[in-house]
PDB file of all heavy atoms in Angstrom:
ATOM      1  N   ILE A   1       1.091   4.538   2.410  1.00  0.00           N
ATOM      2  CA  ILE A   1      -0.064   5.248   1.833  1.00  0.00           C
ATOM      3  C   ILE A   1       0.209   6.750   1.799  1.00  0.00           C
ATOM      4  O   ILE A   1      -0.126   7.434   0.839  1.00  0.00           O
ATOM      5  CB  ILE A   1      -1.385   4.899   2.562  1.00  0.00           C
ATOM      6  CG1 ILE A   1      -2.599   5.285   1.724  1.00  0.00           C
ATOM      7  CG2 ILE A   1      -1.512   5.557   3.887  1.00  0.00           C
ATOM      8  CD1 ILE A   1      -2.985   4.265   0.729  1.00  0.00           C
ATOM      9  N   PHE A   2       0.854   7.283   2.844  1.00  0.00           N
ATOM     10  CA  PHE A   2       1.155   8.715   2.871  1.00  0.00           C
ATOM     11  C   PHE A   2       2.216   9.080   1.829  1.00  0.00           C
ATOM     12  O   PHE A   2       2.213  10.197   1.317  1.00  0.00           O
ATOM     13  CB  PHE A   2       1.589   9.156   4.266  1.00  0.00           C
ATOM     14  CG  PHE A   2       0.478   9.090   5.280  1.00  0.00           C
ATOM     15  CD1 PHE A   2       0.621   8.355   6.438  1.00  0.00           C
ATOM     16  CD2 PHE A   2      -0.723   9.761   5.074  1.00  0.00           C
ATOM     17  CE1 PHE A   2      -0.403   8.289   7.375  1.00  0.00           C
ATOM     18  CE2 PHE A   2      -1.753   9.709   6.005  1.00  0.00           C
ATOM     19  CZ  PHE A   2      -1.591   8.966   7.159  1.00  0.00           C
ATOM     20  N   ALA A   3       3.107   8.152   1.500  1.00  0.00           N
ATOM     21  CA  ALA A   3       4.144   8.411   0.497  1.00  0.00           C
ATOM     22  C   ALA A   3       3.550   8.630  -0.890  1.00  0.00           C
ATOM     23  O   ALA A   3       4.216   9.179  -1.774  1.00  0.00           O
ATOM     24  CB  ALA A   3       5.145   7.263   0.474  1.00  0.00           C
ATOM     25  N   GLN A   4       2.300   8.238  -1.095  1.00  0.00           N
ATOM     26  CA  GLN A   4       1.647   8.405  -2.395  1.00  0.00           C
ATOM     27  C   GLN A   4       1.116   9.822  -2.616  1.00  0.00           C
ATOM     28  O   GLN A   4       0.759  10.184  -3.735  1.00  0.00           O
ATOM     29  CB  GLN A   4       0.512   7.402  -2.542  1.00  0.00           C
ATOM     30  CG  GLN A   4       0.985   5.967  -2.572  1.00  0.00           C
ATOM     31  CD  GLN A   4      -0.169   4.993  -2.662  1.00  0.00           C
ATOM     32  OE1 GLN A   4      -1.131   5.231  -3.380  1.00  0.00           O
ATOM     33  NE2 GLN A   4      -0.073   3.897  -1.932  1.00  0.00           N
ATOM     34  N   VAL A   5       1.051  10.615  -1.555  1.00  0.00           N
ATOM     35  CA  VAL A   5       0.581  11.997  -1.689  1.00  0.00           C
ATOM     36  C   VAL A   5       1.693  12.821  -2.326  1.00  0.00           C
ATOM     37  O   VAL A   5       2.834  12.800  -1.871  1.00  0.00           O
ATOM     38  CB  VAL A   5       0.193  12.589  -0.311  1.00  0.00           C
ATOM     39  CG1 VAL A   5      -0.213  14.053  -0.457  1.00  0.00           C
ATOM     40  CG2 VAL A   5      -0.915  11.777   0.320  1.00  0.00           C
ATOM     41  N   ALA A   6       1.358  13.522  -3.397  1.00  0.00           N
ATOM     42  CA  ALA A   6       2.357  14.295  -4.134  1.00  0.00           C
ATOM     43  C   ALA A   6       1.938  15.760  -4.233  1.00  0.00           C
ATOM     44  O   ALA A   6       0.742  16.077  -4.262  1.00  0.00           O
ATOM     45  CB  ALA A   6       2.538  13.721  -5.535  1.00  0.00           C
ATOM     46  N   ARG A   7       2.911  16.604  -4.277  1.00  0.00           N
ATOM     47  CA  ARG A   7       2.671  18.030  -4.475  1.00  0.00           C
ATOM     48  C   ARG A   7       1.862  18.235  -5.750  1.00  0.00           C
ATOM     49  O   ARG A   7       2.127  17.601  -6.773  1.00  0.00           O
ATOM     50  CB  ARG A   7       4.028  18.715  -4.578  1.00  0.00           C
ATOM     51  CG  ARG A   7       4.019  20.123  -4.162  1.00  0.00           C
ATOM     52  CD  ARG A   7       5.433  20.677  -4.273  1.00  0.00           C
ATOM     53  NE  ARG A   7       5.313  22.083  -4.465  1.00  0.00           N
ATOM     54  CZ  ARG A   7       5.602  22.972  -3.523  1.00  0.00           C
ATOM     55  NH1 ARG A   7       6.116  22.577  -2.390  1.00  0.00           N
ATOM     56  NH2 ARG A   7       5.414  24.259  -3.740  1.00  0.00           N
ATOM     57  N   GLY A   8       0.846  19.100  -5.680  1.00  0.00           N
ATOM     58  CA  GLY A   8       0.012  19.386  -6.845  1.00  0.00           C
ATOM     59  C   GLY A   8      -1.242  18.529  -6.932  1.00  0.00           C
ATOM     60  O   GLY A   8      -2.114  18.786  -7.757  1.00  0.00           O
ATOM     61  N   MET A   9      -1.366  17.503  -6.090  1.00  0.00           N
ATOM     62  CA  MET A   9      -2.548  16.634  -6.083  1.00  0.00           C
ATOM     63  C   MET A   9      -3.779  17.425  -5.623  1.00  0.00           C
ATOM     64  O   MET A   9      -3.699  18.181  -4.662  1.00  0.00           O
ATOM     65  CB  MET A   9      -2.316  15.506  -5.074  1.00  0.00           C
ATOM     66  CG  MET A   9      -2.513  14.133  -5.570  1.00  0.00           C
ATOM     67  SD  MET A   9      -2.273  12.976  -4.180  1.00  0.00           S
ATOM     68  CE  MET A   9      -1.496  11.687  -5.079  1.00  0.00           C
ATOM     69  N   PRO A  10      -4.928  17.254  -6.282  1.00  0.00           N
ATOM     70  CA  PRO A  10      -6.139  17.956  -5.832  1.00  0.00           C
ATOM     71  C   PRO A  10      -6.704  17.340  -4.544  1.00  0.00           C
ATOM     72  O   PRO A  10      -6.462  16.162  -4.245  1.00  0.00           O
ATOM     73  CB  PRO A  10      -7.113  17.780  -6.996  1.00  0.00           C
ATOM     74  CG  PRO A  10      -6.611  16.627  -7.768  1.00  0.00           C
ATOM     75  CD  PRO A  10      -5.137  16.513  -7.519  1.00  0.00           C
ATOM     76  N   GLU A  11      -7.456  18.144  -3.797  1.00  0.00           N
ATOM     77  CA  GLU A  11      -8.064  17.689  -2.542  1.00  0.00           C
ATOM     78  C   GLU A  11      -8.862  16.403  -2.716  1.00  0.00           C
ATOM     79  O   GLU A  11      -8.798  15.514  -1.871  1.00  0.00           O
ATOM     80  CB  GLU A  11      -8.985  18.770  -1.971  1.00  0.00           C
ATOM     81  CG  GLU A  11      -8.277  19.925  -1.357  1.00  0.00           C
ATOM     82  CD  GLU A  11      -9.229  20.945  -0.761  1.00  0.00           C
ATOM     83  OE1 GLU A  11     -10.455  20.702  -0.715  1.00  0.00           O
ATOM     84  OE2 GLU A  11      -8.736  22.005  -0.326  1.00  0.00           O
ATOM     85  N   GLN A  12      -9.630  16.303  -3.792  1.00  0.00           N
ATOM     86  CA  GLN A  12     -10.475  15.123  -4.011  1.00  0.00           C
ATOM     87  C   GLN A  12      -9.640  13.858  -4.106  1.00  0.00           C
ATOM     88  O   GLN A  12     -10.022  12.810  -3.590  1.00  0.00           O
ATOM     89  CB  GLN A  12     -11.336  15.265  -5.286  1.00  0.00           C
ATOM     90  CG  GLN A  12     -12.306  16.404  -5.265  1.00  0.00           C
ATOM     91  CD  GLN A  12     -11.667  17.733  -5.678  1.00  0.00           C
ATOM     92  OE1 GLN A  12     -10.446  17.846  -5.913  1.00  0.00           O
ATOM     93  NE2 GLN A  12     -12.478  18.771  -5.753  1.00  0.00           N
ATOM     94  N   GLU A  13      -8.498  13.947  -4.761  1.00  0.00           N
ATOM     95  CA  GLU A  13      -7.636  12.773  -4.904  1.00  0.00           C
ATOM     96  C   GLU A  13      -7.020  12.375  -3.557  1.00  0.00           C
ATOM     97  O   GLU A  13      -6.933  11.195  -3.225  1.00  0.00           O
ATOM     98  CB  GLU A  13      -6.546  13.049  -5.938  1.00  0.00           C
ATOM     99  CG  GLU A  13      -5.817  11.801  -6.374  1.00  0.00           C
ATOM    100  CD  GLU A  13      -4.854  12.063  -7.518  1.00  0.00           C
ATOM    101  OE1 GLU A  13      -4.998  13.087  -8.224  1.00  0.00           O
ATOM    102  OE2 GLU A  13      -3.947  11.232  -7.693  1.00  0.00           O
ATOM    103  N   VAL A  14      -6.615  13.371  -2.772  1.00  0.00           N
ATOM    104  CA  VAL A  14      -6.067  13.091  -1.443  1.00  0.00           C
ATOM    105  C   VAL A  14      -7.144  12.469  -0.563  1.00  0.00           C
ATOM    106  O   VAL A  14      -6.898  11.489   0.144  1.00  0.00           O
ATOM    107  CB  VAL A  14      -5.497  14.374  -0.793  1.00  0.00           C
ATOM    108  CG1 VAL A  14      -5.089  14.118   0.649  1.00  0.00           C
ATOM    109  CG2 VAL A  14      -4.320  14.897  -1.602  1.00  0.00           C
ATOM    110  N   SER A  15      -8.345  13.003  -0.635  1.00  0.00           N
ATOM    111  CA  SER A  15      -9.460  12.462   0.144  1.00  0.00           C
ATOM    112  C   SER A  15      -9.752  11.018  -0.238  1.00  0.00           C
ATOM    113  O   SER A  15      -9.992  10.168   0.620  1.00  0.00           O
ATOM    114  CB  SER A  15     -10.704  13.324  -0.075  1.00  0.00           C
ATOM    115  OG  SER A  15     -11.781  12.824   0.651  1.00  0.00           O
ATOM    116  N   ARG A  16      -9.721  10.723  -1.503  1.00  0.00           N
ATOM    117  CA  ARG A  16      -9.954   9.352  -1.988  1.00  0.00           C
ATOM    118  C   ARG A  16      -8.845   8.407  -1.503  1.00  0.00           C
ATOM    119  O   ARG A  16      -9.099   7.280  -1.121  1.00  0.00           O
ATOM    120  CB  ARG A  16     -10.027   9.363  -3.516  1.00  0.00           C
ATOM    121  CG  ARG A  16     -10.808   8.253  -4.129  1.00  0.00           C
ATOM    122  CD  ARG A  16     -11.057   8.372  -5.630  1.00  0.00           C
ATOM    123  NE  ARG A  16     -10.230   9.273  -6.407  1.00  0.00           N
ATOM    124  CZ  ARG A  16     -10.618  10.483  -6.828  1.00  0.00           C
ATOM    125  NH1 ARG A  16     -11.805  10.936  -6.537  1.00  0.00           N
ATOM    126  NH2 ARG A  16      -9.814  11.228  -7.546  1.00  0.00           N
ATOM    127  N   LEU A  17      -7.615   8.905  -1.479  1.00  0.00           N
ATOM    128  CA  LEU A  17      -6.464   8.097  -1.085  1.00  0.00           C
ATOM    129  C   LEU A  17      -6.389   7.889   0.428  1.00  0.00           C
ATOM    130  O   LEU A  17      -6.158   6.769   0.900  1.00  0.00           O
ATOM    131  CB  LEU A  17      -5.179   8.769  -1.575  1.00  0.00           C
ATOM    132  CG  LEU A  17      -3.861   8.067  -1.279  1.00  0.00           C
ATOM    133  CD1 LEU A  17      -3.782   6.745  -2.032  1.00  0.00           C
ATOM    134  CD2 LEU A  17      -2.695   8.966  -1.664  1.00  0.00           C
ATOM    135  N   LEU A  18      -6.604   8.948   1.209  1.00  0.00           N
ATOM    136  CA  LEU A  18      -6.385   8.895   2.656  1.00  0.00           C
ATOM    137  C   LEU A  18      -7.666   8.816   3.493  1.00  0.00           C
ATOM    138  O   LEU A  18      -7.613   8.504   4.672  1.00  0.00           O
ATOM    139  CB  LEU A  18      -5.587  10.118   3.114  1.00  0.00           C
ATOM    140  CG  LEU A  18      -4.232  10.342   2.463  1.00  0.00           C
ATOM    141  CD1 LEU A  18      -3.585  11.598   3.028  1.00  0.00           C
ATOM    142  CD2 LEU A  18      -3.337   9.129   2.655  1.00  0.00           C
ATOM    143  N   GLY A  19      -8.788   9.138   2.909  1.00  0.00           N
ATOM    144  CA  GLY A  19     -10.025   9.165   3.679  1.00  0.00           C
ATOM    145  C   GLY A  19     -10.187  10.504   4.387  1.00  0.00           C
ATOM    146  O   GLY A  19      -9.440  11.450   4.150  1.00  0.00           O
ATOM    147  N   ARG A  20     -11.159  10.564   5.246  1.00  0.00           N
ATOM    148  CA  ARG A  20     -11.471  11.791   5.966  1.00  0.00           C
ATOM    149  C   ARG A  20     -10.383  12.083   7.005  1.00  0.00           C
ATOM    150  O   ARG A  20      -9.997  11.191   7.749  1.00  0.00           O
ATOM    151  CB  ARG A  20     -12.829  11.629   6.650  1.00  0.00           C
ATOM    152  CG  ARG A  20     -13.451  12.928   7.071  1.00  0.00           C
ATOM    153  CD  ARG A  20     -14.869  12.723   7.476  1.00  0.00           C
ATOM    154  NE  ARG A  20     -14.897  12.785   8.939  1.00  0.00           N
ATOM    155  CZ  ARG A  20     -15.852  12.302   9.680  1.00  0.00           C
ATOM    156  NH1 ARG A  20     -16.850  11.670   9.139  1.00  0.00           N
ATOM    157  NH2 ARG A  20     -15.810  12.429  10.974  1.00  0.00           N
ATOM    158  N   PRO A  21      -9.910  13.330   7.090  1.00  0.00           N
ATOM    159  CA  PRO A  21      -8.870  13.658   8.071  1.00  0.00           C
ATOM    160  C   PRO A  21      -9.418  13.660   9.495  1.00  0.00           C
ATOM    161  O   PRO A  21     -10.620  13.829   9.716  1.00  0.00           O
ATOM    162  CB  PRO A  21      -8.416  15.056   7.658  1.00  0.00           C
ATOM    163  CG  PRO A  21      -9.565  15.638   6.921  1.00  0.00           C
ATOM    164  CD  PRO A  21     -10.275  14.479   6.266  1.00  0.00           C
ATOM    165  N   ASP A  22      -8.522  13.493  10.461  1.00  0.00           N
ATOM    166  CA  ASP A  22      -8.907  13.558  11.865  1.00  0.00           C
ATOM    167  C   ASP A  22      -9.177  15.002  12.288  1.00  0.00           C
ATOM    168  O   ASP A  22      -9.987  15.251  13.179  1.00  0.00           O
ATOM    169  CB  ASP A  22      -7.803  12.975  12.750  1.00  0.00           C
ATOM    170  CG  ASP A  22      -7.606  11.499  12.492  1.00  0.00           C
ATOM    171  OD1 ASP A  22      -8.612  10.779  12.394  1.00  0.00           O
ATOM    172  OD2 ASP A  22      -6.447  11.068  12.379  1.00  0.00           O
ATOM    173  N   GLU A  23      -8.483  15.920  11.657  1.00  0.00           N
ATOM    174  CA  GLU A  23      -8.636  17.328  12.001  1.00  0.00           C
ATOM    175  C   GLU A  23      -8.312  18.181  10.780  1.00  0.00           C
ATOM    176  O   GLU A  23      -7.459  17.818   9.970  1.00  0.00           O
ATOM    177  CB  GLU A  23      -7.667  17.672  13.139  1.00  0.00           C
ATOM    178  CG  GLU A  23      -7.840  19.037  13.711  1.00  0.00           C
ATOM    179  CD  GLU A  23      -6.935  19.266  14.918  1.00  0.00           C
ATOM    180  OE1 GLU A  23      -6.157  18.368  15.297  1.00  0.00           O
ATOM    181  OE2 GLU A  23      -7.018  20.358  15.469  1.00  0.00           O
ATOM    182  N   THR A  24      -9.014  19.296  10.654  1.00  0.00           N
ATOM    183  CA  THR A  24      -8.711  20.250   9.583  1.00  0.00           C
ATOM    184  C   THR A  24      -8.534  21.630  10.205  1.00  0.00           C
ATOM    185  O   THR A  24      -9.104  21.922  11.258  1.00  0.00           O
ATOM    186  CB  THR A  24      -9.835  20.329   8.525  1.00  0.00           C
ATOM    187  OG1 THR A  24     -11.025  20.781   9.143  1.00  0.00           O
ATOM    188  CG2 THR A  24     -10.060  18.986   7.856  1.00  0.00           C
ATOM    189  N   MET A  25      -7.737  22.453   9.540  1.00  0.00           N
ATOM    190  CA  MET A  25      -7.551  23.820  10.002  1.00  0.00           C
ATOM    191  C   MET A  25      -7.422  24.735   8.794  1.00  0.00           C
ATOM    192  O   MET A  25      -6.633  24.472   7.888  1.00  0.00           O
ATOM    193  CB  MET A  25      -6.289  23.932  10.864  1.00  0.00           C
ATOM    194  CG  MET A  25      -6.091  25.330  11.430  1.00  0.00           C
ATOM    195  SD  MET A  25      -4.650  25.467  12.494  1.00  0.00           S
ATOM    196  CE  MET A  25      -5.233  24.579  13.910  1.00  0.00           C
ATOM    197  N   ARG A  26      -8.229  25.788   8.795  1.00  0.00           N
ATOM    198  CA  ARG A  26      -8.183  26.770   7.714  1.00  0.00           C
ATOM    199  C   ARG A  26      -7.259  27.915   8.113  1.00  0.00           C
ATOM    200  O   ARG A  26      -7.200  28.296   9.278  1.00  0.00           O
ATOM    201  CB  ARG A  26      -9.578  27.296   7.413  1.00  0.00           C
ATOM    202  CG  ARG A  26     -10.508  26.200   6.906  1.00  0.00           C
ATOM    203  CD  ARG A  26     -11.782  26.708   6.289  1.00  0.00           C
ATOM    204  NE  ARG A  26     -11.662  27.556   5.124  1.00  0.00           N
ATOM    205  CZ  ARG A  26     -11.207  27.179   3.918  1.00  0.00           C
ATOM    206  NH1 ARG A  26     -10.806  25.951   3.722  1.00  0.00           N
ATOM    207  NH2 ARG A  26     -11.162  28.015   2.919  1.00  0.00           N
ATOM    208  N   PHE A  27      -6.562  28.464   7.120  1.00  0.00           N
ATOM    209  CA  PHE A  27      -5.689  29.609   7.315  1.00  0.00           C
ATOM    210  C   PHE A  27      -6.184  30.724   6.383  1.00  0.00           C
ATOM    211  O   PHE A  27      -5.771  30.791   5.220  1.00  0.00           O
ATOM    212  CB  PHE A  27      -4.236  29.248   7.016  1.00  0.00           C
ATOM    213  CG  PHE A  27      -3.718  28.135   7.881  1.00  0.00           C
ATOM    214  CD1 PHE A  27      -3.698  26.833   7.404  1.00  0.00           C
ATOM    215  CD2 PHE A  27      -3.280  28.383   9.179  1.00  0.00           C
ATOM    216  CE1 PHE A  27      -3.233  25.796   8.204  1.00  0.00           C
ATOM    217  CE2 PHE A  27      -2.813  27.349   9.980  1.00  0.00           C
ATOM    218  CZ  PHE A  27      -2.794  26.056   9.496  1.00  0.00           C
ATOM    219  N   PRO A  28      -7.108  31.562   6.870  1.00  0.00           N
ATOM    220  CA  PRO A  28      -7.759  32.556   6.004  1.00  0.00           C
ATOM    221  C   PRO A  28      -6.806  33.553   5.339  1.00  0.00           C
ATOM    222  O   PRO A  28      -7.032  33.937   4.195  1.00  0.00           O
ATOM    223  CB  PRO A  28      -8.723  33.284   6.948  1.00  0.00           C
ATOM    224  CG  PRO A  28      -8.870  32.417   8.142  1.00  0.00           C
ATOM    225  CD  PRO A  28      -7.627  31.583   8.230  1.00  0.00           C
ATOM    226  N   LEU A  29      -5.755  33.960   6.029  1.00  0.00           N
ATOM    227  CA  LEU A  29      -4.852  34.954   5.442  1.00  0.00           C
ATOM    228  C   LEU A  29      -4.121  34.427   4.213  1.00  0.00           C
ATOM    229  O   LEU A  29      -3.829  35.182   3.285  1.00  0.00           O
ATOM    230  CB  LEU A  29      -3.848  35.447   6.486  1.00  0.00           C
ATOM    231  CG  LEU A  29      -4.461  36.259   7.637  1.00  0.00           C
ATOM    232  CD1 LEU A  29      -3.380  36.656   8.642  1.00  0.00           C
ATOM    233  CD2 LEU A  29      -5.167  37.498   7.107  1.00  0.00           C
ATOM    234  N   SER A  30      -3.813  33.131   4.212  1.00  0.00           N
ATOM    235  CA  SER A  30      -3.117  32.554   3.056  1.00  0.00           C
ATOM    236  C   SER A  30      -4.063  31.770   2.157  1.00  0.00           C
ATOM    237  O   SER A  30      -3.619  31.185   1.164  1.00  0.00           O
ATOM    238  CB  SER A  30      -1.977  31.644   3.527  1.00  0.00           C
ATOM    239  OG  SER A  30      -2.504  30.552   4.257  1.00  0.00           O
ATOM    240  N   SER A  31      -5.338  31.730   2.509  1.00  0.00           N
ATOM    241  CA  SER A  31      -6.347  30.969   1.748  1.00  0.00           C
ATOM    242  C   SER A  31      -5.934  29.511   1.579  1.00  0.00           C
ATOM    243  O   SER A  31      -6.108  28.917   0.522  1.00  0.00           O
ATOM    244  CB  SER A  31      -6.591  31.595   0.371  1.00  0.00           C
ATOM    245  OG  SER A  31      -7.066  32.906   0.517  1.00  0.00           O
TER     246      SER A  31
END
């Protein structure tokens, strides 16, 4: 399932494919 994630995929598509993440982290300096 993780092999299906491709560079350039939008967040919504990743969310649909993998579900809700266990953890998220924002990096404000790099947005």
